[in-house]
């Protein structure tokens, strides 16, 4: 599955790096949600701060004026 995503993202009409930025943002966020919801481990404030910083960085990459 990962190989398919990697290949498909290179075919995107915009830069593949932006697609990877979006994927990374969603992946890390879902990992923290999974930690809390499925594993029952409440994220530490540093986990949430890290997710916030990562999503902010992803937003800069994805939504910067071109």
Foldseek 3Di string as FASTA:
>chain_A
DVVVVVVVLPVDPDDSVLVVLVVVLVVLVVVQVCCCPPVVDHDDVVSVVVSVVSVVVSCCSNPPDD
